[in-house]
Amino acid sequence: MPPNSPVPESLKTKDITALPSLFYTWQDYRCGYELLTSGDSTTDKGVPLVLLHPIGVGLSRNFWQRFCQEWCQSGYDNPVYNPDLLGCGESDMPRIAYTPADWAKQLQYFLQTVVKKPVVVLAQGAEVVVALALVQQQTEPNYIKGLVLAGPPAWTVMTEESPSWQQRVTWNVLDSPVGNAFYRYARRRQFLRSFSERQLFADRSDVDVQWLDTLLAGAANPASRYAVFSFLAGFWRQNYEKAIASISQPTLVVVGEEATSISRSGQAETPEQRLTQYLKHLPQGKGCQIPGRNVLPYESTTEFVSVVAEFVKQFNR
């Protein structure tokens, strides 16, 4: 459905927050997801989208609610699959050290058994590395038609590997009473607001009640800390230059005009430099900058939906 065509009434009135939670089982773990469709099987003809939420205190598939609402109300008829990664949201939260490969295996199973057709994957922030691991899982059939990298990490961060001993030491410290105390501190509303204003959003006023309430609810279960600790321990920190250069699928890189890096090593990089580096290494890369900083699907939803829709057009033919 083109964006200028009339929006079906069912889409105009659909309440994204009321979508039923769906579940599947992977390696004896219960994993949650949502499925957004037009409600009319005759119009759901576009390539499906699969959304990868970021890892962080209180983050889950709910990160994508604004995107889903805007996508729906703009009249696009692509089915949208919005899974919770293991350790997050409504998925089980085992006490393990999660790696990008673990989440990629979960998602590959999800593609094979739930979606069952090729998709465009949208990855937010550092979840780009999970998308890369997922691409490497593909054989025949190949379930990935294209990729959208939303606010990817600074190029220097993506090409610097952290020592495995350092990752283990950090994990052991976090997986202790010290880490438990830190997580209780980090999930307070005051800390979440301060961190979001300092590190994530271009405009402080966008750190609204909806954002904070969603994070607080997502962090209520203390077992949600293990996914966050895995991220903080740096199990995802590798040199991904070759992996990025090996992506054969068309890839859209979307960078915020005020993009910054939380990591010290990436702080000197400008948004323009970041975008240039990704496009230099991606064989079929396209890129753009839109208003915003580091959480574009949430803070610049309309602009983000617009560039994604334009990119996805090529797969709907």
C-alpha atoms as a PDB file:
ATOM      1  CA  MET A   1       0.000   0.000   0.000  1.00  0.00           C
ATOM      2  CA  PRO A   2       1.549   3.348  -1.008  1.00  0.00           C
ATOM      3  CA  PRO A   3       1.824   5.985   1.706  1.00  0.00           C
ATOM      4  CA  ASN A   4      -0.529   8.411  -0.022  1.00  0.00           C
ATOM      5  CA  SER A   5      -3.394   5.954  -0.391  1.00  0.00           C
ATOM      6  CA  PRO A   6      -6.299   6.081   2.076  1.00  0.00           C
ATOM      7  CA  VAL A   7      -5.485   4.432   5.369  1.00  0.00           C
ATOM      8  CA  PRO A   8      -7.922   1.598   6.186  1.00  0.00           C
ATOM      9  CA  GLU A   9     -10.120   2.324   9.182  1.00  0.00           C
ATOM     10  CA  SER A  10      -8.808  -0.824  10.891  1.00  0.00           C
ATOM     11  CA  LEU A  11      -5.312   0.640  10.813  1.00  0.00           C
ATOM     12  CA  LYS A  12      -6.341   4.107  11.944  1.00  0.00           C
ATOM     13  CA  THR A  13      -7.954   2.742  15.078  1.00  0.00           C
ATOM     14  CA  LYS A  14      -5.534  -0.107  15.887  1.00  0.00           C
ATOM     15  CA  ASP A  15      -4.129   0.215  19.414  1.00  0.00           C
ATOM     16  CA  ILE A  16      -0.553  -1.022  19.244  1.00  0.00           C
ATOM     17  CA  THR A  17      -0.342  -1.279  23.028  1.00  0.00           C
ATOM     18  CA  ALA A  18      -3.249  -3.746  22.972  1.00  0.00           C
ATOM     19  CA  LEU A  19      -1.628  -6.287  20.625  1.00  0.00           C
ATOM     20  CA  PRO A  20      -1.790  -9.763  22.155  1.00  0.00           C
ATOM     21  CA  SER A  21       1.435 -11.328  23.379  1.00  0.00           C
ATOM     22  CA  LEU A  22       2.376 -14.383  21.354  1.00  0.00           C
ATOM     23  CA  PHE A  23       4.885 -17.053  22.351  1.00  0.00           C
ATOM     24  CA  TYR A  24       7.099 -19.782  20.941  1.00  0.00           C
ATOM     25  CA  THR A  25       9.582 -22.146  22.577  1.00  0.00           C
ATOM     26  CA  TRP A  26      13.271 -22.160  21.741  1.00  0.00           C
ATOM     27  CA  GLN A  27      15.664 -24.518  23.560  1.00  0.00           C
ATOM     28  CA  ASP A  28      13.071 -24.953  26.327  1.00  0.00           C
ATOM     29  CA  TYR A  29      12.851 -21.172  26.817  1.00  0.00           C
ATOM     30  CA  ARG A  30       9.548 -19.335  26.409  1.00  0.00           C
ATOM     31  CA  CYS A  31      10.030 -16.373  24.077  1.00  0.00           C
ATOM     32  CA  GLY A  32       7.540 -13.568  23.497  1.00  0.00           C
ATOM     33  CA  TYR A  33       6.703 -11.489  20.459  1.00  0.00           C
ATOM     34  CA  GLU A  34       4.010  -9.344  18.866  1.00  0.00           C
ATOM     35  CA  LEU A  35       2.691  -9.440  15.329  1.00  0.00           C
ATOM     36  CA  LEU A  36       1.274  -6.325  13.705  1.00  0.00           C
ATOM     37  CA  THR A  37      -0.841  -6.882  10.611  1.00  0.00           C
ATOM     38  CA  SER A  38      -3.559  -4.978   8.811  1.00  0.00           C
ATOM     39  CA  GLY A  39      -6.088  -7.578   9.940  1.00  0.00           C
ATOM     40  CA  ASP A  40      -6.862  -8.392   6.316  1.00  0.00           C
ATOM     41  CA  SER A  41      -4.857 -11.290   4.899  1.00  0.00           C
ATOM     42  CA  THR A  42      -5.485  -9.992   1.372  1.00  0.00           C
ATOM     43  CA  THR A  43      -3.605  -6.747   2.048  1.00  0.00           C
ATOM     44  CA  ASP A  44      -0.617  -8.093   4.040  1.00  0.00           C
ATOM     45  CA  LYS A  45       1.449  -8.479   0.896  1.00  0.00           C
ATOM     46  CA  GLY A  46       4.617  -6.593   1.706  1.00  0.00           C
ATOM     47  CA  VAL A  47       7.853  -8.173   2.875  1.00  0.00           C
ATOM     48  CA  PRO A  48       7.697  -8.781   6.646  1.00  0.00           C
ATOM     49  CA  LEU A  49       9.751  -6.610   8.982  1.00  0.00           C
ATOM     50  CA  VAL A  50      11.520  -8.049  12.031  1.00  0.00           C
ATOM     51  CA  LEU A  51      12.474  -5.537  14.726  1.00  0.00           C
ATOM     52  CA  LEU A  52      15.496  -5.981  17.014  1.00  0.00           C
ATOM     53  CA  HIS A  53      15.195  -3.922  20.183  1.00  0.00           C
ATOM     54  CA  PRO A  54      18.282  -2.550  21.979  1.00  0.00           C
ATOM     55  CA  ILE A  55      19.651  -4.015  25.202  1.00  0.00           C
ATOM     56  CA  GLY A  56      19.537  -1.764  28.253  1.00  0.00           C
ATOM     57  CA  VAL A  57      17.838  -1.228  31.591  1.00  0.00           C
ATOM     58  CA  GLY A  58      14.127  -1.832  31.051  1.00  0.00           C
ATOM     59  CA  LEU A  59      14.379  -2.178  27.269  1.00  0.00           C
ATOM     60  CA  SER A  60      12.348  -4.742  25.358  1.00  0.00           C
ATOM     61  CA  ARG A  61      10.188  -4.967  22.244  1.00  0.00           C
ATOM     62  CA  ASN A  62       8.162  -2.068  23.683  1.00  0.00           C
ATOM     63  CA  PHE A  63      10.948   0.201  22.415  1.00  0.00           C
ATOM     64  CA  TRP A  64       9.331  -0.144  18.961  1.00  0.00           C
ATOM     65  CA  GLN A  65       5.757   0.807  19.944  1.00  0.00           C
ATOM     66  CA  ARG A  66       5.934   4.298  18.447  1.00  0.00           C
ATOM     67  CA  PHE A  67       7.432   2.957  15.227  1.00  0.00           C
ATOM     68  CA  CYS A  68       4.692   0.325  14.946  1.00  0.00           C
ATOM     69  CA  GLN A  69       1.966   2.901  15.559  1.00  0.00           C
ATOM     70  CA  GLU A  70       3.360   5.291  12.946  1.00  0.00           C
ATOM     71  CA  TRP A  71       3.959   2.487  10.432  1.00  0.00           C
ATOM     72  CA  CYS A  72       0.413   1.278  10.890  1.00  0.00           C
ATOM     73  CA  GLN A  73      -1.231   4.710  10.680  1.00  0.00           C
ATOM     74  CA  SER A  74       0.814   5.622   7.600  1.00  0.00           C
ATOM     75  CA  GLY A  75      -0.933   2.809   5.751  1.00  0.00           C
ATOM     76  CA  TYR A  76       1.941   0.411   5.113  1.00  0.00           C
ATOM     77  CA  ASP A  77       0.770  -3.193   4.928  1.00  0.00           C
ATOM     78  CA  ASN A  78       3.946  -5.090   5.714  1.00  0.00           C
ATOM     79  CA  PRO A  79       3.512  -7.556   8.581  1.00  0.00           C
ATOM     80  CA  VAL A  80       5.719  -6.459  11.497  1.00  0.00           C
ATOM     81  CA  TYR A  81       7.206  -9.048  13.852  1.00  0.00           C
ATOM     82  CA  ASN A  82       8.427  -7.584  17.120  1.00  0.00           C
ATOM     83  CA  PRO A  83      10.225 -10.202  19.272  1.00  0.00           C
ATOM     84  CA  ASP A  84      11.612  -9.982  22.793  1.00  0.00           C
ATOM     85  CA  LEU A  85      15.184 -11.215  22.905  1.00  0.00           C
ATOM     86  CA  LEU A  86      15.923 -13.862  25.509  1.00  0.00           C
ATOM     87  CA  GLY A  87      16.473 -12.133  28.849  1.00  0.00           C
ATOM     88  CA  CYS A  88      14.165  -9.236  27.980  1.00  0.00           C
ATOM     89  CA  GLY A  89      10.489  -8.319  28.090  1.00  0.00           C
ATOM     90  CA  GLU A  90       8.174 -11.322  28.173  1.00  0.00           C
ATOM     91  CA  SER A  91      10.846 -13.825  27.179  1.00  0.00           C
ATOM     92  CA  ASP A  92      12.431 -16.047  29.813  1.00  0.00           C
ATOM     93  CA  MET A  93      15.363 -14.518  31.683  1.00  0.00           C
ATOM     94  CA  PRO A  94      17.900 -17.232  32.534  1.00  0.00           C
ATOM     95  CA  ARG A  95      20.996 -16.320  34.505  1.00  0.00           C
ATOM     96  CA  ILE A  96      23.504 -16.657  31.659  1.00  0.00           C
ATOM     97  CA  ALA A  97      26.053 -14.504  29.872  1.00  0.00           C
ATOM     98  CA  TYR A  98      24.371 -13.672  26.558  1.00  0.00           C
ATOM     99  CA  THR A  99      26.340 -13.231  23.337  1.00  0.00           C
ATOM    100  CA  PRO A 100      25.234 -11.914  19.925  1.00  0.00           C
ATOM    101  CA  ALA A 101      25.509 -15.493  18.634  1.00  0.00           C
ATOM    102  CA  ASP A 102      22.989 -16.676  21.260  1.00  0.00           C
ATOM    103  CA  TRP A 103      20.413 -14.097  20.244  1.00  0.00           C
ATOM    104  CA  ALA A 104      21.086 -14.743  16.547  1.00  0.00           C
ATOM    105  CA  LYS A 105      20.341 -18.445  17.044  1.00  0.00           C
ATOM    106  CA  GLN A 106      17.092 -17.528  18.791  1.00  0.00           C
ATOM    107  CA  LEU A 107      16.133 -15.230  15.931  1.00  0.00           C
ATOM    108  CA  GLN A 108      17.091 -17.749  13.243  1.00  0.00           C
ATOM    109  CA  TYR A 109      14.744 -20.250  14.876  1.00  0.00           C
ATOM    110  CA  PHE A 110      12.084 -17.524  15.004  1.00  0.00           C
ATOM    111  CA  LEU A 111      12.487 -16.889  11.261  1.00  0.00           C
ATOM    112  CA  GLN A 112      12.384 -20.579  10.426  1.00  0.00           C
ATOM    113  CA  THR A 113       9.429 -21.588  12.580  1.00  0.00           C
ATOM    114  CA  VAL A 114       7.292 -18.472  13.086  1.00  0.00           C
ATOM    115  CA  VAL A 115       7.836 -16.058  10.190  1.00  0.00           C
ATOM    116  CA  LYS A 116       8.725 -18.721   7.596  1.00  0.00           C
ATOM    117  CA  LYS A 117       9.611 -16.257   4.842  1.00  0.00           C
ATOM    118  CA  PRO A 118      12.380 -13.756   3.966  1.00  0.00           C
ATOM    119  CA  VAL A 119      12.298 -10.479   5.898  1.00  0.00           C
ATOM    120  CA  VAL A 120      13.871  -7.072   6.300  1.00  0.00           C
ATOM    121  CA  VAL A 121      15.593  -6.809   9.690  1.00  0.00           C
ATOM    122  CA  LEU A 122      15.627  -3.492  11.569  1.00  0.00           C
ATOM    123  CA  ALA A 123      18.300  -3.332  14.266  1.00  0.00           C
ATOM    124  CA  GLN A 124      18.579  -0.505  16.790  1.00  0.00           C
ATOM    125  CA  GLY A 125      21.931   0.675  18.156  1.00  0.00           C
ATOM    126  CA  ALA A 126      24.382  -2.017  19.212  1.00  0.00           C
ATOM    127  CA  GLU A 127      21.880  -4.724  18.225  1.00  0.00           C
ATOM    128  CA  VAL A 128      23.472  -4.242  14.824  1.00  0.00           C
ATOM    129  CA  VAL A 129      25.929  -6.914  15.987  1.00  0.00           C
ATOM    130  CA  VAL A 130      23.075  -9.390  16.506  1.00  0.00           C
ATOM    131  CA  ALA A 131      21.872  -8.619  12.983  1.00  0.00           C
ATOM    132  CA  LEU A 132      25.386  -9.323  11.696  1.00  0.00           C
ATOM    133  CA  ALA A 133      25.464 -12.649  13.533  1.00  0.00           C
ATOM    134  CA  LEU A 134      22.030 -13.450  12.113  1.00  0.00           C
ATOM    135  CA  VAL A 135      23.237 -12.740   8.566  1.00  0.00           C
ATOM    136  CA  GLN A 136      26.067 -15.204   9.137  1.00  0.00           C
ATOM    137  CA  GLN A 137      23.512 -17.873  10.108  1.00  0.00           C
ATOM    138  CA  GLN A 138      21.922 -17.777   6.662  1.00  0.00           C
ATOM    139  CA  THR A 139      22.372 -20.629   4.213  1.00  0.00           C
ATOM    140  CA  GLU A 140      19.524 -21.804   2.013  1.00  0.00           C
ATOM    141  CA  PRO A 141      16.891 -20.608   2.261  1.00  0.00           C
ATOM    142  CA  ASN A 142      18.212 -17.140   3.077  1.00  0.00           C
ATOM    143  CA  TYR A 143      15.684 -15.473   5.349  1.00  0.00           C
ATOM    144  CA  ILE A 144      17.134 -11.956   5.160  1.00  0.00           C
ATOM    145  CA  LYS A 145      16.350  -9.749   2.174  1.00  0.00           C
ATOM    146  CA  GLY A 146      17.643  -6.504   3.603  1.00  0.00           C
ATOM    147  CA  LEU A 147      18.861  -4.716   6.715  1.00  0.00           C
ATOM    148  CA  VAL A 148      18.197  -1.361   8.367  1.00  0.00           C
ATOM    149  CA  LEU A 149      20.815  -0.221  10.875  1.00  0.00           C
ATOM    150  CA  ALA A 150      19.267   2.462  13.087  1.00  0.00           C
ATOM    151  CA  GLY A 151      21.770   4.593  14.992  1.00  0.00           C
ATOM    152  CA  PRO A 152      24.603   2.041  14.797  1.00  0.00           C
ATOM    153  CA  PRO A 153      27.608   2.389  17.136  1.00  0.00           C
ATOM    154  CA  ALA A 154      30.594   4.532  16.238  1.00  0.00           C
ATOM    155  CA  TRP A 155      32.841   2.855  13.674  1.00  0.00           C
ATOM    156  CA  THR A 156      35.766   2.770  16.095  1.00  0.00           C
ATOM    157  CA  VAL A 157      33.590   0.912  18.603  1.00  0.00           C
ATOM    158  CA  MET A 158      32.592  -1.610  15.926  1.00  0.00           C
ATOM    159  CA  THR A 159      36.178  -2.367  15.004  1.00  0.00           C
ATOM    160  CA  GLU A 160      37.824  -2.596  18.438  1.00  0.00           C
ATOM    161  CA  GLU A 161      37.743  -5.984  20.157  1.00  0.00           C
ATOM    162  CA  SER A 162      37.775  -6.058  23.940  1.00  0.00           C
ATOM    163  CA  PRO A 163      39.952  -8.772  25.559  1.00  0.00           C
ATOM    164  CA  SER A 164      38.055 -11.887  26.591  1.00  0.00           C
ATOM    165  CA  TRP A 165      39.649 -11.821  30.053  1.00  0.00           C
ATOM    166  CA  GLN A 166      38.305  -8.306  30.562  1.00  0.00           C
ATOM    167  CA  GLN A 167      34.829  -9.421  29.528  1.00  0.00           C
ATOM    168  CA  ARG A 168      34.913 -12.319  32.013  1.00  0.00           C
ATOM    169  CA  VAL A 169      36.174 -10.163  34.873  1.00  0.00           C
ATOM    170  CA  THR A 170      33.512  -7.522  34.244  1.00  0.00           C
ATOM    171  CA  TRP A 171      30.801 -10.182  34.071  1.00  0.00           C
ATOM    172  CA  ASN A 172      31.937 -11.769  37.342  1.00  0.00           C
ATOM    173  CA  VAL A 173      31.829  -8.397  39.101  1.00  0.00           C
ATOM    174  CA  LEU A 174      28.378  -7.618  37.745  1.00  0.00           C
ATOM    175  CA  ASP A 175      27.052 -11.116  38.454  1.00  0.00           C
ATOM    176  CA  SER A 176      27.505 -10.551  42.188  1.00  0.00           C
ATOM    177  CA  PRO A 177      25.872  -8.558  44.998  1.00  0.00           C
ATOM    178  CA  VAL A 178      27.774  -5.529  43.658  1.00  0.00           C
ATOM    179  CA  GLY A 179      26.028  -5.838  40.304  1.00  0.00           C
ATOM    180  CA  ASN A 180      22.680  -6.461  41.963  1.00  0.00           C
ATOM    181  CA  ALA A 181      23.032  -3.221  43.923  1.00  0.00           C
ATOM    182  CA  PHE A 182      24.082  -1.359  40.770  1.00  0.00           C
ATOM    183  CA  TYR A 183      21.026  -2.585  38.886  1.00  0.00           C
ATOM    184  CA  ARG A 184      18.672  -1.496  41.647  1.00  0.00           C
ATOM    185  CA  TYR A 185      20.274   1.948  41.436  1.00  0.00           C
ATOM    186  CA  ALA A 186      20.216   2.078  37.620  1.00  0.00           C
ATOM    187  CA  ARG A 187      16.502   1.267  37.360  1.00  0.00           C
ATOM    188  CA  ARG A 188      15.408   4.277  39.437  1.00  0.00           C
ATOM    189  CA  ARG A 189      13.394   6.880  37.511  1.00  0.00           C
ATOM    190  CA  GLN A 190      15.890   9.634  38.338  1.00  0.00           C
ATOM    191  CA  PHE A 191      18.825   7.664  36.916  1.00  0.00           C
ATOM    192  CA  LEU A 192      16.899   6.578  33.818  1.00  0.00           C
ATOM    193  CA  ARG A 193      15.882  10.176  33.110  1.00  0.00           C
ATOM    194  CA  SER A 194      19.428  11.501  33.621  1.00  0.00           C
ATOM    195  CA  PHE A 195      21.039   8.809  31.460  1.00  0.00           C
ATOM    196  CA  SER A 196      18.478   9.240  28.677  1.00  0.00           C
ATOM    197  CA  GLU A 197      18.954  13.005  28.608  1.00  0.00           C
ATOM    198  CA  ARG A 198      22.764  12.797  28.670  1.00  0.00           C
ATOM    199  CA  GLN A 199      23.326   9.882  26.301  1.00  0.00           C
ATOM    200  CA  LEU A 200      20.313   9.063  24.154  1.00  0.00           C
ATOM    201  CA  PHE A 201      18.021  11.947  23.176  1.00  0.00           C
ATOM    202  CA  ALA A 202      18.724  15.118  21.220  1.00  0.00           C
ATOM    203  CA  ASP A 203      15.909  16.981  22.977  1.00  0.00           C
ATOM    204  CA  ARG A 204      15.539  16.533  26.749  1.00  0.00           C
ATOM    205  CA  SER A 205      11.792  17.107  26.479  1.00  0.00           C
ATOM    206  CA  ASP A 206      11.466  13.865  24.477  1.00  0.00           C
ATOM    207  CA  VAL A 207      12.412  11.924  27.603  1.00  0.00           C
ATOM    208  CA  ASP A 208       8.742  11.717  28.470  1.00  0.00           C
ATOM    209  CA  VAL A 209       6.530   9.821  30.893  1.00  0.00           C
ATOM    210  CA  GLN A 210       5.843   7.077  28.343  1.00  0.00           C
ATOM    211  CA  TRP A 211       9.569   6.424  27.875  1.00  0.00           C
ATOM    212  CA  LEU A 212      10.345   6.355  31.597  1.00  0.00           C
ATOM    213  CA  ASP A 213       7.289   4.303  32.561  1.00  0.00           C
ATOM    214  CA  THR A 214       8.156   1.730  29.882  1.00  0.00           C
ATOM    215  CA  LEU A 215      11.721   1.400  31.205  1.00  0.00           C
ATOM    216  CA  LEU A 216      10.570   1.147  34.821  1.00  0.00           C
ATOM    217  CA  ALA A 217       8.102  -1.601  33.944  1.00  0.00           C
ATOM    218  CA  GLY A 218      10.697  -3.447  31.874  1.00  0.00           C
ATOM    219  CA  ALA A 219      13.254  -3.381  34.696  1.00  0.00           C
ATOM    220  CA  ALA A 220      10.834  -4.465  37.427  1.00  0.00           C
ATOM    221  CA  ASN A 221      11.929  -8.092  37.156  1.00  0.00           C
ATOM    222  CA  PRO A 222      15.462  -8.212  38.610  1.00  0.00           C
ATOM    223  CA  ALA A 223      16.303 -11.134  36.294  1.00  0.00           C
ATOM    224  CA  SER A 224      16.281  -8.645  33.428  1.00  0.00           C
ATOM    225  CA  ARG A 225      19.712  -7.547  34.646  1.00  0.00           C
ATOM    226  CA  TYR A 226      21.561 -10.485  33.072  1.00  0.00           C
ATOM    227  CA  ALA A 227      21.029  -9.298  29.496  1.00  0.00           C
ATOM    228  CA  VAL A 228      22.109  -5.797  30.518  1.00  0.00           C
ATOM    229  CA  PHE A 229      25.182  -7.133  32.310  1.00  0.00           C
ATOM    230  CA  SER A 230      26.117  -9.167  29.227  1.00  0.00           C
ATOM    231  CA  PHE A 231      26.052  -5.969  27.213  1.00  0.00           C
ATOM    232  CA  LEU A 232      28.054  -4.016  29.791  1.00  0.00           C
ATOM    233  CA  ALA A 233      30.613  -6.828  30.056  1.00  0.00           C
ATOM    234  CA  GLY A 234      31.314  -6.332  26.365  1.00  0.00           C
ATOM    235  CA  PHE A 235      30.603  -9.836  25.083  1.00  0.00           C
ATOM    236  CA  TRP A 236      29.525  -8.120  21.871  1.00  0.00           C
ATOM    237  CA  ARG A 237      32.751  -6.149  21.435  1.00  0.00           C
ATOM    238  CA  GLN A 238      34.618  -7.581  18.456  1.00  0.00           C
ATOM    239  CA  ASN A 239      36.120  -6.302  15.218  1.00  0.00           C
ATOM    240  CA  TYR A 240      33.165  -6.445  12.825  1.00  0.00           C
ATOM    241  CA  GLU A 241      34.850  -4.839   9.813  1.00  0.00           C
ATOM    242  CA  LYS A 242      35.028  -8.080   7.800  1.00  0.00           C
ATOM    243  CA  ALA A 243      31.518  -9.112   8.829  1.00  0.00           C
ATOM    244  CA  ILE A 244      30.110  -5.806   7.623  1.00  0.00           C
ATOM    245  CA  ALA A 245      32.051  -6.007   4.362  1.00  0.00           C
ATOM    246  CA  SER A 246      30.628  -9.485   3.722  1.00  0.00           C
ATOM    247  CA  ILE A 247      26.956  -8.440   3.858  1.00  0.00           C
ATOM    248  CA  SER A 248      25.482  -9.103   0.426  1.00  0.00           C
ATOM    249  CA  GLN A 249      21.985  -7.812   1.248  1.00  0.00           C
ATOM    250  CA  PRO A 250      20.957  -4.203   0.554  1.00  0.00           C
ATOM    251  CA  THR A 251      21.512  -2.266   3.779  1.00  0.00           C
ATOM    252  CA  LEU A 252      20.204   1.109   4.910  1.00  0.00           C
ATOM    253  CA  VAL A 253      22.203   2.985   7.562  1.00  0.00           C
ATOM    254  CA  VAL A 254      20.268   5.718   9.396  1.00  0.00           C
ATOM    255  CA  VAL A 255      22.306   8.078  11.571  1.00  0.00           C
ATOM    256  CA  GLY A 256      21.027  10.906  13.736  1.00  0.00           C
ATOM    257  CA  GLU A 257      22.161  14.416  12.872  1.00  0.00           C
ATOM    258  CA  GLU A 258      23.264  14.750  16.506  1.00  0.00           C
ATOM    259  CA  ALA A 259      24.513  11.185  16.968  1.00  0.00           C
ATOM    260  CA  THR A 260      27.020  10.630  19.761  1.00  0.00           C
ATOM    261  CA  SER A 261      28.849   7.669  21.277  1.00  0.00           C
ATOM    262  CA  ILE A 262      28.559   6.434  24.852  1.00  0.00           C
ATOM    263  CA  SER A 263      31.912   4.690  24.482  1.00  0.00           C
ATOM    264  CA  ARG A 264      34.930   6.902  25.049  1.00  0.00           C
ATOM    265  CA  SER A 265      36.709   5.561  21.946  1.00  0.00           C
ATOM    266  CA  GLY A 266      33.938   6.768  19.643  1.00  0.00           C
ATOM    267  CA  GLN A 267      33.338  10.225  21.067  1.00  0.00           C
ATOM    268  CA  ALA A 268      35.519  12.078  18.553  1.00  0.00           C
ATOM    269  CA  GLU A 269      33.609  10.693  15.582  1.00  0.00           C
ATOM    270  CA  THR A 270      31.090  13.009  13.866  1.00  0.00           C
ATOM    271  CA  PRO A 271      27.773  11.677  12.507  1.00  0.00           C
ATOM    272  CA  GLU A 272      29.028  12.320   8.984  1.00  0.00           C
ATOM    273  CA  GLN A 273      32.202  10.324   9.608  1.00  0.00           C
ATOM    274  CA  ARG A 274      30.207   7.448  11.080  1.00  0.00           C
ATOM    275  CA  LEU A 275      27.894   7.232   8.100  1.00  0.00           C
ATOM    276  CA  THR A 276      30.790   7.493   5.640  1.00  0.00           C
ATOM    277  CA  GLN A 277      32.656   4.609   7.282  1.00  0.00           C
ATOM    278  CA  TYR A 278      29.679   2.271   7.203  1.00  0.00           C
ATOM    279  CA  LEU A 279      28.891   3.064   3.581  1.00  0.00           C
ATOM    280  CA  LYS A 280      32.536   2.646   2.641  1.00  0.00           C
ATOM    281  CA  HIS A 281      32.503  -0.944   3.890  1.00  0.00           C
ATOM    282  CA  LEU A 282      28.972  -2.099   2.986  1.00  0.00           C
ATOM    283  CA  PRO A 283      28.844  -3.641  -0.526  1.00  0.00           C
ATOM    284  CA  GLN A 284      25.204  -2.591  -1.040  1.00  0.00           C
ATOM    285  CA  GLY A 285      24.926   0.195   1.491  1.00  0.00           C
ATOM    286  CA  LYS A 286      22.754   3.292   1.376  1.00  0.00           C
ATOM    287  CA  GLY A 287      22.582   5.882   4.108  1.00  0.00           C
ATOM    288  CA  CYS A 288      20.982   9.026   5.367  1.00  0.00           C
ATOM    289  CA  GLN A 289      20.888  11.353   8.338  1.00  0.00           C
ATOM    290  CA  ILE A 290      17.662  12.388  10.006  1.00  0.00           C
ATOM    291  CA  PRO A 291      16.960  14.663  12.993  1.00  0.00           C
ATOM    292  CA  GLY A 292      17.695  13.113  16.347  1.00  0.00           C
ATOM    293  CA  ARG A 293      20.511  11.539  18.290  1.00  0.00           C
ATOM    294  CA  ASN A 294      20.755   7.871  19.265  1.00  0.00           C
ATOM    295  CA  VAL A 295      17.189   6.461  19.535  1.00  0.00           C
ATOM    296  CA  LEU A 296      15.753   7.504  16.184  1.00  0.00           C
ATOM    297  CA  PRO A 297      12.741   5.131  16.036  1.00  0.00           C
ATOM    298  CA  TYR A 298      11.494   6.741  19.259  1.00  0.00           C
ATOM    299  CA  GLU A 299      12.596  10.387  19.090  1.00  0.00           C
ATOM    300  CA  SER A 300      12.206  10.924  15.315  1.00  0.00           C
ATOM    301  CA  THR A 301       9.541   8.353  14.529  1.00  0.00           C
ATOM    302  CA  THR A 302       7.917  10.038  11.526  1.00  0.00           C
ATOM    303  CA  GLU A 303      11.212  10.684   9.757  1.00  0.00           C
ATOM    304  CA  PHE A 304      12.487   7.197  10.541  1.00  0.00           C
ATOM    305  CA  VAL A 305       9.345   5.495   9.228  1.00  0.00           C
ATOM    306  CA  SER A 306       9.591   7.552   6.046  1.00  0.00           C
ATOM    307  CA  VAL A 307      13.157   6.511   5.176  1.00  0.00           C
ATOM    308  CA  VAL A 308      12.513   2.878   6.119  1.00  0.00           C
ATOM    309  CA  ALA A 309       9.376   2.738   3.971  1.00  0.00           C
ATOM    310  CA  GLU A 310      11.251   4.137   0.991  1.00  0.00           C
ATOM    311  CA  PHE A 311      13.984   1.524   1.449  1.00  0.00           C
ATOM    312  CA  VAL A 312      11.521  -1.374   1.875  1.00  0.00           C
ATOM    313  CA  LYS A 313       9.729  -0.505  -1.379  1.00  0.00           C
ATOM    314  CA  GLN A 314      12.322  -2.375  -3.422  1.00  0.00           C
ATOM    315  CA  PHE A 315      11.429  -5.654  -1.689  1.00  0.00           C
ATOM    316  CA  ASN A 316       7.655  -5.303  -2.148  1.00  0.00           C
ATOM    317  CA  ARG A 317       7.796  -5.624  -5.905  1.00  0.00           C
END
